[in-house]
Amino acid sequence: MTDLKERTASHRVAVPGDVEVAAYLEIARQKSGEAAAVAPAAPPERETVVVLDFGSQYSMLIARRIRECQVYCEVLPWNVGWERVVALKPRGVVLSGGPASVYEAGAPLAPAWVFASGLPVLGICYGMQLLAHQLGGRVSPGAVREYGHAILHEGSEGYPIFHNLPAEMPVWMSHGDQVTELPSGFRALAFTESSPNAVIGNEAGMVGLQFHPEVVHTPHGKELLRNWLQRVCGCRGTWTPGNFIAESIGRIREQVGGGRVICALSGGVDSAVTATLIQRAVGDQLTCIFVDNGLLRREEPERIRTVFQRNLKMNLIYVDAQERFLGRLRGVTDPEQKRRLIGEEFIRVFEEEAARLGQVDLLAQGTLYPDVIESVTAENPAAAKIKTHHNVGGLPQRMRLRLVEPLRHLFKDEVREVGLALGLPDEMVWRQPFPGPGLAIRCLGEVSAAKLEIVRGADWVVMNEIKKANMYRQLWQSFAVLTDARTVGVMGDFRTYNYVVAVRAVTSEDAMTADWARLPYDLLARISTRIVNEVPGVNRVVYDITSKPPGTIEWE
C-alpha cells in the first residue's frame, strides 16, 4: 500500500475547492455517518460504482451485473474528469475491456485520479492490463491467444473476491495480450492454463481480472462481482426499488418546487412510472397529456385512456393530432428524419398544451438509459450513434420547457421493478415496449394512412396469436413490419402483386442486445395464414431471424 501511494503521489489531483481526493473520501464517510445518525428514516445514501468505458462491447453488461447486486452504477467515458465523478460519491471504479493494446501509441489510459483517489479499482481484461501497465508492470503480446472457455484455478486462498467460490471455475476469456510482469505490491491470485496472471491484486483494493465476469459464460461472475462490491468496496446493496422511489420523489420535489409539470403519457410502463413518481412528489401540480399522433396500434388510444383514467386517476388531457403528424411525415422516407420530425412535433404539441394551461415550465418524459446510450448526447459523447431516439437526440435544440426525467439512468427491467413497487397494474408494468415514433418506423419508406392500416392489421394478428400461445410475457417484443417490397402471389387463381410483411419477435433483458425468438412453427404458420387472409394488400409473410447485434430490434 505504501508503494502504491508513493507511485501515485506525483499524479494526485485536486477536486473542486482544492480538497484532495483522500480528504474527499474521509469527508464523504463522515457525512454518511452524520446523516445516518440525524435522520435514520431517510433513504440510505446511494452507493455508486463508476465504470470507465474503454470501448468494450460489454460495458453496459458490467453496469447491469453491478446493479443486479443492488449497487448503483454509471458508465462514463474513459477520459472523464474527476469533477464529474466526485459528484457521484463513488465507492469504487471499474476499468472496462477494450479493443486496444496498452503498449500501443495513442492507446487510451486511465485518468490519474483513478490511482490518486484511493478508491478500490477493478480492471477487466484491457482494464487489468491498464493497471499493470500504468503502475509499472509489463504487458506483452501473448504467446497463445485466449478466446472462449478456460478453467480458472485460485492460487491465493483468503482473498476477498473468492469468498465462497470454488477453487476451480469456468471463465470466459477474450484477449491476445498478457500481463507478463506484475507492478510492485501486486501478486498473482489465480491462473489458467495459458495465463499465469489471470487474476492479480494488491492490498489497496486494486484487482485485475483477465476474463470477463459480466458475461453468462462465466457462471460465477456475478458472485465474484458481488464479493468485490461488498468485501472490497464496502457496499451493502442499497440500490432497491423502494430506495429509488424515495430518492426520486425528493429529487423531483427539489426540481419542480412550486411549478407545474406536464407529462408525456404514451401508455407504456416508462411514462406510467414517470407520471406516478411525479404525482406522488407534487400531486396536482402534474397534468398528463396523451397525444394521439395517428401512429398507434389498433384500438390503442381508447385502451390507454381507459386504463390510465381507471388506475392512475390523474389529470389527463387527450389531444387528437393525427392529421398534424401525418402531414409532417408526408414524403419522408429516411428513418432518422422520421424520428427527428416526430420528436420535434411532440414537443410543439406539448408546448401548445402547456400554454393553454397557464404557467408551465417542466415537461416529464420516460427516457431510459438505453435511449441515452444509443443516441449521442452531452453525457455520452464517445458513443457511436446507433439511431436517434425521438425523446433524446430527436428533441429540438430550442425548447421552452425544461425536462424532468427521473428514469434517465434506469434499464427497462429496473423500471418494471419500480412500477411493481409503486403498485401499478400488471397490464401496465408488463406491456411490451412500443417505440415512441410508433408505427412510423414499422412502415418502411413513406408513411401513409393506407400503409398504417395494413401494419395495424398485421400487428393485431401477431399480438393476438402470441397472447393465445401464452408467450407474451416470455418475449421482449413481438410485432409486424410493413416492408417496402412487393412480390407476386396467387390468391383465388388470380395473380397478386402485394406487400411483404415481416414478423419480428425477440428475447432480451434490456434491449441493448437481443436474440430472435424461436417461435414454434405452428404458431408462425397461424400468424402467416391469418395475416394473408385477413389483411388486404399482403400476400407474403417472412420471419426475421436476426439478433441484435448485428441488427437492431426495430427495422428503422
Protein backbone atom coordinates (compact mmCIF):
# COMPACT_ATOMS: atom_id res chain seq x y z
CA MET A 1 0.00 0.00 0.00
CA THR A 2 2.92 2.37 0.77
CA ASP A 3 4.44 1.59 -2.61
CA LEU A 4 1.17 2.40 -4.32
CA LYS A 5 0.88 5.76 -2.55
CA GLU A 6 4.46 6.67 -3.45
CA ARG A 7 3.92 5.59 -7.05
CA THR A 8 0.78 7.72 -7.48
CA ALA A 9 1.78 10.72 -5.35
CA SER A 10 3.02 12.66 -8.36
CA HIS A 11 -0.34 12.12 -10.07
CA ARG A 12 -2.53 13.31 -7.20
CA VAL A 13 -5.28 15.58 -8.45
CA ALA A 14 -7.44 18.18 -6.75
CA VAL A 15 -11.20 18.12 -6.52
CA PRO A 16 -13.32 21.31 -6.56
CA GLY A 17 -12.37 23.62 -3.70
CA ASP A 18 -8.81 22.27 -3.60
CA VAL A 19 -9.87 19.36 -1.45
CA GLU A 20 -7.69 16.34 -2.27
CA VAL A 21 -9.26 13.04 -3.21
CA ALA A 22 -8.22 11.36 0.02
CA ALA A 23 -9.78 14.17 2.01
CA TYR A 24 -12.95 13.83 -0.05
CA LEU A 25 -13.19 10.17 0.88
CA GLU A 26 -12.92 10.96 4.59
CA ILE A 27 -15.46 13.79 4.34
CA ALA A 28 -17.87 11.53 2.47
CA ARG A 29 -17.56 8.84 5.15
CA GLN A 30 -18.18 11.39 7.92
CA LYS A 31 -21.20 12.86 6.14
CA SER A 32 -22.61 9.41 5.60
CA GLY A 33 -22.32 8.65 9.31
CA GLU A 34 -23.78 12.01 10.36
CA ALA A 35 -26.75 11.59 8.01
CA ALA A 36 -27.48 8.17 9.39
CA ALA A 37 -27.38 9.43 12.97
CA VAL A 38 -29.52 12.53 12.42
CA ALA A 39 -32.16 11.15 10.05
CA PRO A 40 -32.42 7.36 10.33
CA ALA A 41 -35.75 7.33 8.48
CA ALA A 42 -34.27 8.85 5.30
CA PRO A 43 -33.33 6.52 2.43
CA PRO A 44 -29.71 5.35 2.69
CA GLU A 45 -27.12 7.28 0.72
CA ARG A 46 -26.78 5.91 -2.78
CA GLU A 47 -23.82 3.57 -3.19
CA THR A 48 -22.28 4.22 -6.58
CA VAL A 49 -19.67 2.46 -8.68
CA VAL A 50 -18.31 4.08 -11.85
CA VAL A 51 -17.49 2.06 -14.96
CA LEU A 52 -14.96 3.73 -17.26
CA ASP A 53 -15.66 2.62 -20.81
CA PHE A 54 -12.59 1.89 -22.96
CA GLY A 55 -14.65 0.72 -25.91
CA SER A 56 -15.76 -2.68 -24.69
CA GLN A 57 -18.86 -4.28 -26.17
CA TYR A 58 -19.64 -5.46 -22.63
CA SER A 59 -19.50 -2.14 -20.71
CA MET A 60 -23.28 -1.90 -20.35
CA LEU A 61 -23.39 -5.52 -19.27
CA ILE A 62 -20.91 -4.74 -16.50
CA ALA A 63 -23.23 -1.99 -15.29
CA ARG A 64 -26.22 -4.33 -15.36
CA ARG A 65 -24.45 -7.01 -13.33
CA ILE A 66 -23.40 -4.45 -10.72
CA ARG A 67 -26.95 -3.14 -10.44
CA GLU A 68 -28.20 -6.71 -10.07
CA CYS A 69 -26.06 -6.74 -6.91
CA GLN A 70 -28.18 -3.75 -5.76
CA VAL A 71 -25.38 -1.21 -6.21
CA TYR A 72 -25.98 1.82 -8.43
CA CYS A 73 -23.65 2.12 -11.40
CA GLU A 74 -22.99 4.55 -14.24
CA VAL A 75 -20.92 4.08 -17.38
CA LEU A 76 -18.73 7.09 -18.20
CA PRO A 77 -16.15 7.80 -20.93
CA TRP A 78 -12.63 6.60 -20.09
CA ASN A 79 -11.27 10.17 -20.03
CA VAL A 80 -13.94 11.63 -17.74
CA GLY A 81 -12.73 14.29 -15.31
CA TRP A 82 -12.73 13.96 -11.53
CA GLU A 83 -15.17 16.88 -11.17
CA ARG A 84 -17.91 14.81 -12.76
CA VAL A 85 -17.01 11.62 -10.90
CA VAL A 86 -16.78 13.18 -7.43
CA ALA A 87 -20.40 14.34 -7.68
CA LEU A 88 -21.45 10.66 -7.76
CA LYS A 89 -19.61 9.91 -4.48
CA PRO A 90 -18.19 6.64 -5.85
CA ARG A 91 -17.30 3.63 -3.73
CA GLY A 92 -15.22 2.02 -6.49
CA VAL A 93 -14.11 2.22 -10.11
CA VAL A 94 -14.26 -0.43 -12.84
CA LEU A 95 -11.98 -0.23 -15.87
CA SER A 96 -13.70 -1.98 -18.76
CA GLY A 97 -12.26 -4.08 -21.53
CA GLY A 98 -11.45 -2.60 -24.90
CA PRO A 99 -10.03 -3.35 -28.34
CA ALA A 100 -6.68 -1.54 -27.96
CA SER A 101 -3.31 -2.77 -26.66
CA VAL A 102 -1.97 -0.74 -23.74
CA TYR A 103 1.56 -0.57 -25.16
CA GLU A 104 0.45 0.96 -28.48
CA ALA A 105 0.92 4.66 -29.14
CA GLY A 106 -2.32 6.51 -28.53
CA ALA A 107 -3.96 3.73 -26.53
CA PRO A 108 -6.49 5.14 -24.03
CA LEU A 109 -5.19 5.24 -20.45
CA ALA A 110 -6.93 5.53 -17.11
CA PRO A 111 -7.07 9.11 -15.76
CA ALA A 112 -4.62 9.97 -12.98
CA TRP A 113 -7.45 10.37 -10.47
CA VAL A 114 -8.20 6.63 -10.64
CA PHE A 115 -4.91 5.87 -8.89
CA ALA A 116 -4.78 9.00 -6.75
CA SER A 117 -8.25 8.59 -5.28
CA GLY A 118 -7.57 5.62 -3.04
CA LEU A 119 -10.79 4.05 -4.33
CA PRO A 120 -10.94 0.29 -4.98
CA VAL A 121 -10.36 -0.46 -8.65
CA LEU A 122 -11.45 -3.49 -10.67
CA GLY A 123 -9.78 -3.88 -14.06
CA ILE A 124 -11.44 -6.26 -16.51
CA CYS A 125 -9.41 -7.60 -19.48
CA TYR A 126 -7.96 -4.40 -21.02
CA GLY A 127 -8.68 -2.73 -17.68
CA MET A 128 -6.46 -5.25 -15.89
CA GLN A 129 -3.69 -4.62 -18.41
CA LEU A 130 -4.03 -0.88 -17.77
CA LEU A 131 -3.47 -1.46 -14.04
CA ALA A 132 -0.29 -3.38 -14.76
CA HIS A 133 0.97 -1.01 -17.44
CA GLN A 134 0.29 2.28 -15.64
CA LEU A 135 1.59 1.10 -12.26
CA GLY A 136 4.94 -0.13 -13.53
CA GLY A 137 4.31 -3.69 -14.69
CA ARG A 138 4.61 -5.08 -18.19
CA VAL A 139 2.04 -6.17 -20.78
CA SER A 140 3.15 -8.12 -23.86
CA PRO A 141 1.52 -9.93 -26.78
CA GLY A 142 0.51 -13.39 -25.56
CA ALA A 143 2.21 -16.47 -26.97
CA VAL A 144 -1.27 -18.01 -27.09
CA ARG A 145 -4.47 -16.05 -27.59
CA GLU A 146 -7.33 -17.00 -25.29
CA TYR A 147 -10.83 -16.78 -26.75
CA GLY A 148 -13.65 -18.74 -25.16
CA HIS A 149 -13.85 -21.01 -22.13
CA ALA A 150 -10.99 -21.54 -19.70
CA ILE A 151 -10.66 -23.02 -16.22
CA LEU A 152 -9.57 -20.58 -13.53
CA HIS A 153 -7.51 -22.02 -10.65
CA GLU A 154 -7.44 -19.97 -7.46
CA GLY A 155 -3.86 -19.53 -6.31
CA SER A 156 -4.35 -17.31 -3.27
CA GLU A 157 -6.68 -18.53 -0.55
CA GLY A 158 -8.48 -15.93 1.51
CA TYR A 159 -8.54 -13.06 -0.98
CA PRO A 160 -11.97 -11.34 -0.62
CA ILE A 161 -13.16 -11.71 -4.22
CA PHE A 162 -13.02 -15.51 -3.97
CA HIS A 163 -15.21 -15.73 -0.85
CA ASN A 164 -17.43 -18.84 -1.03
CA LEU A 165 -16.38 -19.56 -4.62
CA PRO A 166 -14.96 -22.89 -5.84
CA ALA A 167 -11.18 -23.22 -6.18
CA GLU A 168 -11.68 -24.09 -9.84
CA MET A 169 -14.34 -22.46 -12.04
CA PRO A 170 -15.04 -21.87 -15.73
CA VAL A 171 -14.49 -18.34 -17.06
CA TRP A 172 -14.78 -16.62 -20.43
CA MET A 173 -11.60 -15.24 -21.99
CA SER A 174 -11.25 -12.82 -24.90
CA HIS A 175 -7.71 -11.43 -25.12
CA GLY A 176 -4.46 -11.54 -27.08
CA ASP A 177 -2.19 -9.63 -24.66
CA GLN A 178 -0.97 -10.81 -21.26
CA VAL A 179 0.41 -9.28 -18.08
CA THR A 180 3.96 -10.67 -18.04
CA GLU A 181 5.39 -8.63 -15.15
CA LEU A 182 3.40 -7.51 -12.10
CA PRO A 183 3.60 -3.98 -10.67
CA SER A 184 5.15 -3.51 -7.26
CA GLY A 185 2.79 -4.58 -4.48
CA PHE A 186 0.67 -6.86 -6.71
CA ARG A 187 0.59 -10.64 -6.65
CA ALA A 188 -0.98 -13.32 -8.79
CA LEU A 189 -4.24 -14.57 -7.28
CA ALA A 190 -5.38 -17.08 -9.89
CA PHE A 191 -4.25 -18.63 -13.17
CA THR A 192 -5.43 -20.55 -16.21
CA GLU A 193 -3.52 -22.93 -18.42
CA SER A 194 -2.48 -20.09 -20.74
CA SER A 195 -2.49 -17.12 -18.31
CA PRO A 196 -0.30 -17.39 -15.21
CA ASN A 197 -1.59 -13.97 -14.11
CA ALA A 198 -5.29 -14.41 -14.81
CA VAL A 199 -6.20 -12.53 -11.61
CA ILE A 200 -3.93 -10.05 -9.86
CA GLY A 201 -4.42 -7.84 -6.84
CA ASN A 202 -2.84 -5.76 -4.10
CA GLU A 203 -3.72 -4.83 -0.53
CA ALA A 204 -5.04 -1.41 -1.57
CA GLY A 205 -8.18 -2.85 -3.18
CA MET A 206 -6.95 -2.95 -6.76
CA VAL A 207 -7.91 -6.16 -8.59
CA GLY A 208 -7.37 -7.20 -12.19
CA LEU A 209 -9.31 -9.93 -14.00
CA GLN A 210 -8.10 -11.17 -17.37
CA PHE A 211 -11.51 -12.81 -18.00
CA HIS A 212 -15.00 -11.31 -18.28
CA PRO A 213 -17.09 -11.84 -15.12
CA GLU A 214 -20.06 -9.96 -16.61
CA VAL A 215 -20.96 -12.49 -19.33
CA VAL A 216 -23.16 -15.54 -18.74
CA HIS A 217 -20.31 -17.75 -19.94
CA THR A 218 -18.61 -17.04 -16.59
CA PRO A 219 -21.14 -18.81 -14.32
CA HIS A 220 -19.74 -17.45 -11.04
CA GLY A 221 -19.03 -13.99 -12.43
CA LYS A 222 -21.89 -12.25 -10.64
CA GLU A 223 -20.85 -13.73 -7.29
CA LEU A 224 -17.29 -12.57 -7.91
CA LEU A 225 -18.51 -9.03 -8.67
CA ARG A 226 -20.69 -9.10 -5.56
CA ASN A 227 -17.67 -10.10 -3.46
CA TRP A 228 -15.68 -7.18 -4.86
CA LEU A 229 -18.56 -4.75 -4.24
CA GLN A 230 -19.28 -5.92 -0.71
CA ARG A 231 -15.90 -7.09 0.61
CA VAL A 232 -13.58 -4.66 -1.15
CA CYS A 233 -15.72 -1.56 -1.78
CA GLY A 234 -17.80 -1.94 1.38
CA CYS A 235 -21.15 -1.68 -0.40
CA ARG A 236 -24.24 -3.00 1.42
CA GLY A 237 -26.58 -3.17 -1.56
CA THR A 238 -28.94 -0.20 -1.06
CA TRP A 239 -29.97 0.16 -4.72
CA THR A 240 -33.53 -1.11 -4.32
CA PRO A 241 -36.84 -0.05 -5.90
CA GLY A 242 -38.07 1.33 -2.59
CA ASN A 243 -34.97 3.46 -2.03
CA PHE A 244 -35.05 4.65 -5.64
CA ILE A 245 -38.67 5.76 -5.22
CA ALA A 246 -37.92 7.69 -2.03
CA GLU A 247 -34.83 9.29 -3.56
CA SER A 248 -36.62 10.18 -6.81
CA ILE A 249 -39.56 11.81 -5.02
CA GLY A 250 -37.11 14.02 -3.14
CA ARG A 251 -35.25 14.98 -6.31
CA ILE A 252 -38.48 15.74 -8.19
CA ARG A 253 -39.75 17.97 -5.39
CA GLU A 254 -36.46 19.84 -5.41
CA GLN A 255 -36.51 20.29 -9.21
CA VAL A 256 -40.18 21.21 -9.52
CA GLY A 257 -40.58 23.36 -6.45
CA GLY A 258 -43.88 25.21 -6.74
CA GLY A 259 -44.01 24.94 -10.53
CA ARG A 260 -46.30 22.93 -12.77
CA VAL A 261 -45.39 19.86 -14.81
CA ILE A 262 -46.90 18.22 -17.85
CA CYS A 263 -46.08 14.57 -18.51
CA ALA A 264 -45.95 12.95 -21.92
CA LEU A 265 -48.09 9.85 -21.47
CA SER A 266 -47.64 7.10 -24.06
CA GLY A 267 -49.33 4.12 -22.42
CA GLY A 268 -46.11 2.25 -21.70
CA VAL A 269 -44.55 1.40 -18.37
CA ASP A 270 -41.89 4.12 -18.67
CA SER A 271 -44.28 7.05 -18.87
CA ALA A 272 -46.63 5.41 -16.35
CA VAL A 273 -43.87 5.08 -13.75
CA THR A 274 -42.66 8.61 -14.50
CA ALA A 275 -46.15 10.04 -14.04
CA THR A 276 -46.74 8.10 -10.83
CA LEU A 277 -43.44 9.24 -9.28
CA ILE A 278 -44.19 12.87 -10.14
CA GLN A 279 -47.75 12.67 -8.87
CA ARG A 280 -46.53 11.27 -5.55
CA ALA A 281 -43.96 14.06 -5.38
CA VAL A 282 -46.03 17.12 -6.33
CA GLY A 283 -49.66 15.94 -6.62
CA ASP A 284 -51.98 18.24 -8.59
CA GLN A 285 -49.02 20.22 -9.96
CA LEU A 286 -48.91 17.44 -12.60
CA THR A 287 -51.06 17.24 -15.73
CA CYS A 288 -50.65 14.27 -18.08
CA ILE A 289 -51.05 14.71 -21.83
CA PHE A 290 -51.76 11.82 -24.18
CA VAL A 291 -51.19 12.67 -27.84
CA ASP A 292 -52.86 10.51 -30.47
CA ASN A 293 -50.41 11.02 -33.31
CA GLY A 294 -52.09 8.60 -35.71
CA LEU A 295 -49.13 6.23 -35.41
CA LEU A 296 -50.59 3.97 -32.73
CA ARG A 297 -51.85 0.41 -32.98
CA ARG A 298 -55.45 -0.69 -33.42
CA GLU A 299 -57.73 0.42 -30.51
CA GLU A 300 -54.68 1.67 -28.59
CA PRO A 301 -55.82 5.27 -27.95
CA GLU A 302 -59.10 4.09 -26.41
CA ARG A 303 -57.41 1.43 -24.26
CA ILE A 304 -54.74 3.81 -22.99
CA ARG A 305 -57.26 6.44 -21.92
CA THR A 306 -59.40 3.86 -20.14
CA VAL A 307 -56.51 2.19 -18.33
CA PHE A 308 -54.90 5.41 -17.11
CA GLN A 309 -58.09 7.12 -16.03
CA ARG A 310 -59.22 3.99 -14.18
CA ASN A 311 -55.92 3.12 -12.48
CA LEU A 312 -53.93 6.32 -12.02
CA LYS A 313 -56.75 8.86 -11.55
CA MET A 314 -54.60 11.74 -12.81
CA ASN A 315 -55.41 14.96 -14.62
CA LEU A 316 -55.38 13.71 -18.22
CA ILE A 317 -55.68 15.72 -21.43
CA TYR A 318 -56.32 13.92 -24.74
CA VAL A 319 -55.00 15.57 -27.91
CA ASP A 320 -56.02 14.37 -31.38
CA ALA A 321 -53.04 15.28 -33.58
CA GLN A 322 -53.30 12.57 -36.22
CA GLU A 323 -53.52 14.84 -39.26
CA ARG A 324 -50.78 17.05 -37.90
CA PHE A 325 -48.21 14.25 -37.58
CA LEU A 326 -49.12 12.54 -40.85
CA GLY A 327 -48.78 15.88 -42.60
CA ARG A 328 -45.23 16.34 -41.25
CA LEU A 329 -44.29 12.84 -42.41
CA ARG A 330 -45.67 13.18 -45.93
CA GLY A 331 -42.93 12.40 -48.46
CA VAL A 332 -40.37 11.45 -45.77
CA THR A 333 -38.56 8.13 -46.20
CA ASP A 334 -35.36 8.48 -44.15
CA PRO A 335 -35.83 6.85 -40.71
CA GLU A 336 -33.61 9.37 -38.92
CA GLN A 337 -35.65 12.24 -40.35
CA LYS A 338 -38.86 10.48 -39.29
CA ARG A 339 -37.60 10.26 -35.72
CA ARG A 340 -36.47 13.89 -35.63
CA LEU A 341 -39.73 15.21 -37.08
CA ILE A 342 -41.84 13.16 -34.68
CA GLY A 343 -39.75 14.21 -31.68
CA GLU A 344 -39.98 17.86 -32.64
CA GLU A 345 -43.73 17.69 -33.31
CA PHE A 346 -44.36 16.08 -29.92
CA ILE A 347 -42.55 18.95 -28.20
CA ARG A 348 -44.51 21.56 -30.14
CA VAL A 349 -47.81 19.91 -29.18
CA PHE A 350 -46.77 19.79 -25.52
CA GLU A 351 -45.70 23.44 -25.59
CA GLU A 352 -49.05 24.49 -27.05
CA GLU A 353 -50.99 22.48 -24.47
CA ALA A 354 -48.81 23.87 -21.69
CA ALA A 355 -49.60 27.41 -22.87
CA ARG A 356 -53.32 26.66 -22.60
CA LEU A 357 -52.84 25.51 -19.01
CA GLY A 358 -51.12 28.71 -17.97
CA GLN A 359 -47.64 28.88 -16.49
CA VAL A 360 -45.96 25.51 -17.08
CA ASP A 361 -42.18 25.22 -17.13
CA LEU A 362 -41.46 21.49 -16.99
CA LEU A 363 -42.02 18.51 -19.28
CA ALA A 364 -41.69 14.99 -17.85
CA GLN A 365 -40.91 12.02 -20.08
CA GLY A 366 -39.92 8.40 -19.58
CA THR A 367 -36.42 8.49 -21.06
CA LEU A 368 -34.38 5.37 -20.20
CA TYR A 369 -30.66 4.60 -20.09
CA PRO A 370 -30.65 2.62 -23.38
CA ASP A 371 -32.21 5.66 -25.12
CA VAL A 372 -29.32 7.79 -23.90
CA ILE A 373 -26.69 5.18 -24.76
CA GLU A 374 -27.82 4.72 -28.36
CA SER A 375 -28.10 8.48 -29.01
CA VAL A 376 -25.06 10.75 -28.95
CA THR A 377 -25.57 13.16 -26.05
CA ALA A 378 -23.51 15.55 -23.97
CA GLU A 379 -23.24 12.92 -21.25
CA ASN A 380 -22.28 10.20 -23.71
CA PRO A 381 -20.06 11.96 -26.31
CA ALA A 382 -17.93 8.92 -27.05
CA ALA A 383 -20.89 6.76 -28.07
CA ALA A 384 -21.39 5.76 -31.67
CA LYS A 385 -24.90 6.85 -32.64
CA ILE A 386 -26.96 3.78 -33.47
CA LYS A 387 -30.17 5.71 -34.06
CA THR A 388 -31.77 8.89 -32.80
CA HIS A 389 -34.36 8.27 -30.10
CA HIS A 390 -37.22 10.73 -30.51
CA ASN A 391 -37.05 11.68 -26.82
CA VAL A 392 -33.24 12.21 -26.76
CA GLY A 393 -31.42 13.08 -29.98
CA GLY A 394 -34.75 13.73 -31.69
CA LEU A 395 -35.63 16.70 -29.48
CA PRO A 396 -35.44 20.19 -30.98
CA GLN A 397 -32.42 22.27 -29.99
CA ARG A 398 -34.59 25.08 -28.64
CA MET A 399 -37.22 24.12 -26.09
CA ARG A 400 -39.22 26.35 -23.80
CA LEU A 401 -39.93 23.52 -21.37
CA ARG A 402 -37.27 22.08 -19.10
CA LEU A 403 -37.13 18.28 -18.84
CA VAL A 404 -37.89 16.10 -15.84
CA GLU A 405 -36.58 12.58 -16.48
CA PRO A 406 -36.49 10.51 -13.26
CA LEU A 407 -35.82 7.24 -15.14
CA ARG A 408 -32.97 8.51 -17.29
CA HIS A 409 -30.43 6.12 -15.76
CA LEU A 410 -32.64 3.02 -15.44
CA PHE A 411 -32.83 -0.08 -17.59
CA LYS A 412 -36.27 -1.40 -18.56
CA ASP A 413 -36.28 -4.27 -16.05
CA GLU A 414 -35.45 -1.79 -13.28
CA VAL A 415 -38.36 0.41 -14.36
CA ARG A 416 -40.68 -2.59 -14.13
CA GLU A 417 -39.43 -3.36 -10.60
CA VAL A 418 -40.15 0.25 -9.61
CA GLY A 419 -43.59 0.01 -11.24
CA LEU A 420 -44.43 -3.08 -9.20
CA ALA A 421 -43.19 -1.35 -6.03
CA LEU A 422 -45.47 1.59 -6.86
CA GLY A 423 -48.43 -0.78 -7.15
CA LEU A 424 -49.11 -0.29 -10.86
CA PRO A 425 -51.29 -2.95 -12.51
CA ASP A 426 -49.67 -5.80 -14.45
CA GLU A 427 -51.15 -4.66 -17.75
CA MET A 428 -49.06 -1.50 -17.45
CA VAL A 429 -45.90 -2.99 -15.97
CA TRP A 430 -45.58 -5.90 -18.40
CA ARG A 431 -46.69 -4.16 -21.58
CA GLN A 432 -44.15 -4.88 -24.30
CA PRO A 433 -42.10 -1.83 -25.32
CA PHE A 434 -43.56 0.24 -28.14
CA PRO A 435 -41.35 2.80 -29.92
CA GLY A 436 -42.04 6.48 -29.36
CA PRO A 437 -42.22 7.15 -33.13
CA GLY A 438 -44.84 4.39 -33.23
CA LEU A 439 -45.77 2.66 -36.45
CA ALA A 440 -43.91 5.29 -38.48
CA ILE A 441 -40.75 3.21 -38.11
CA ARG A 442 -42.61 -0.03 -38.80
CA CYS A 443 -43.77 1.29 -42.18
CA LEU A 444 -40.62 1.25 -44.28
CA GLY A 445 -40.42 4.16 -46.67
CA GLU A 446 -43.06 6.87 -46.77
CA VAL A 447 -45.80 6.71 -44.16
CA SER A 448 -49.40 6.92 -45.36
CA ALA A 449 -52.82 6.27 -43.85
CA ALA A 450 -53.27 3.24 -46.13
CA LYS A 451 -49.94 1.67 -45.15
CA LEU A 452 -50.65 2.32 -41.46
CA GLU A 453 -53.91 0.36 -41.74
CA ILE A 454 -52.02 -2.59 -43.23
CA VAL A 455 -49.40 -2.68 -40.47
CA ARG A 456 -52.12 -2.23 -37.82
CA GLY A 457 -53.98 -5.25 -39.13
CA ALA A 458 -50.83 -7.39 -39.27
CA ASP A 459 -49.74 -6.28 -35.79
CA TRP A 460 -53.19 -7.14 -34.41
CA VAL A 461 -52.83 -10.71 -35.68
CA VAL A 462 -49.31 -11.08 -34.25
CA MET A 463 -50.36 -9.84 -30.82
CA ASN A 464 -53.50 -11.96 -30.77
CA GLU A 465 -51.68 -15.18 -31.64
CA ILE A 466 -48.74 -14.50 -29.30
CA LYS A 467 -51.12 -13.94 -26.39
CA LYS A 468 -53.21 -17.01 -27.26
CA ALA A 469 -49.98 -19.06 -27.18
CA ASN A 470 -49.19 -17.63 -23.69
CA MET A 471 -45.87 -16.26 -24.96
CA TYR A 472 -46.45 -12.52 -24.46
CA ARG A 473 -44.52 -12.31 -21.17
CA GLN A 474 -41.72 -14.54 -22.49
CA LEU A 475 -40.90 -12.11 -25.31
CA TRP A 476 -39.29 -8.70 -25.06
CA GLN A 477 -41.12 -7.54 -28.17
CA SER A 478 -43.25 -9.08 -30.91
CA PHE A 479 -44.67 -7.11 -33.81
CA ALA A 480 -45.17 -6.78 -37.56
CA VAL A 481 -43.25 -4.62 -40.01
CA LEU A 482 -44.63 -3.49 -43.35
CA THR A 483 -41.71 -3.67 -45.75
CA ASP A 484 -41.44 -1.53 -48.85
CA ALA A 485 -41.16 -4.65 -51.02
CA ARG A 486 -43.92 -6.19 -53.14
CA THR A 487 -43.99 -9.71 -54.50
CA VAL A 488 -46.03 -11.76 -56.93
CA GLY A 489 -48.56 -14.16 -55.43
CA VAL A 490 -51.58 -16.24 -56.33
CA MET A 491 -54.86 -15.84 -54.46
CA GLY A 492 -58.11 -17.35 -55.72
CA ASP A 493 -56.45 -18.31 -59.00
CA PHE A 494 -55.59 -14.67 -59.64
CA ARG A 495 -52.17 -13.03 -59.76
CA THR A 496 -51.44 -10.57 -56.95
CA TYR A 497 -48.65 -8.06 -56.52
CA ASN A 498 -48.82 -7.03 -52.88
CA TYR A 499 -46.73 -6.10 -49.85
CA VAL A 500 -44.41 -8.32 -47.81
CA VAL A 501 -44.96 -8.24 -44.04
CA ALA A 502 -42.10 -9.20 -41.72
CA VAL A 503 -42.81 -10.66 -38.28
CA ARG A 504 -40.30 -9.80 -35.56
CA ALA A 505 -40.08 -11.42 -32.10
CA VAL A 506 -37.08 -11.12 -29.78
CA THR A 507 -35.98 -12.00 -26.27
CA SER A 508 -33.87 -9.58 -24.26
CA GLU A 509 -33.11 -8.25 -20.79
CA ASP A 510 -32.61 -4.58 -21.55
CA ALA A 511 -32.83 -4.01 -25.33
CA MET A 512 -29.10 -3.37 -25.53
CA THR A 513 -28.73 -6.84 -27.00
CA ALA A 514 -31.47 -9.21 -28.19
CA ASP A 515 -31.87 -12.67 -29.67
CA TRP A 516 -34.50 -13.65 -32.20
CA ALA A 517 -37.18 -15.79 -30.58
CA ARG A 518 -37.54 -19.42 -31.62
CA LEU A 519 -41.29 -19.32 -32.08
CA PRO A 520 -42.98 -22.69 -32.72
CA TYR A 521 -43.58 -23.46 -36.39
CA ASP A 522 -47.31 -23.96 -35.89
CA LEU A 523 -47.55 -20.52 -34.26
CA LEU A 524 -45.71 -18.92 -37.18
CA ALA A 525 -47.98 -20.79 -39.60
CA ARG A 526 -51.12 -19.43 -37.90
CA ILE A 527 -49.73 -15.89 -37.92
CA SER A 528 -48.81 -16.09 -41.59
CA THR A 529 -52.13 -17.60 -42.67
CA ARG A 530 -54.18 -15.06 -40.75
CA ILE A 531 -52.20 -12.03 -41.99
CA VAL A 532 -52.51 -13.08 -45.64
CA ASN A 533 -56.21 -13.87 -45.28
CA GLU A 534 -57.28 -11.01 -43.01
CA VAL A 535 -55.09 -8.06 -44.03
CA PRO A 536 -55.80 -6.61 -47.51
CA GLY A 537 -52.72 -5.76 -49.55
CA VAL A 538 -50.43 -8.51 -48.18
CA ASN A 539 -49.57 -11.73 -49.98
CA ARG A 540 -46.32 -12.82 -48.27
CA VAL A 541 -45.08 -13.09 -44.66
CA VAL A 542 -41.43 -13.57 -43.61
CA TYR A 543 -39.90 -14.11 -40.15
CA ASP A 544 -36.88 -12.07 -39.08
CA ILE A 545 -34.17 -14.30 -37.53
CA THR A 546 -31.60 -11.55 -36.94
CA SER A 547 -30.26 -10.89 -33.45
CA LYS A 548 -29.03 -7.57 -32.02
CA PRO A 549 -26.26 -7.07 -32.96
CA PRO A 550 -25.89 -7.06 -35.93
CA GLY A 551 -29.47 -5.84 -36.42
CA THR A 552 -31.48 -3.55 -34.15
CA ILE A 553 -34.81 -4.64 -32.70
CA GLU A 554 -36.81 -2.19 -34.79
CA TRP A 555 -36.21 -2.13 -38.53
CA GLU A 556 -35.84 1.66 -38.70
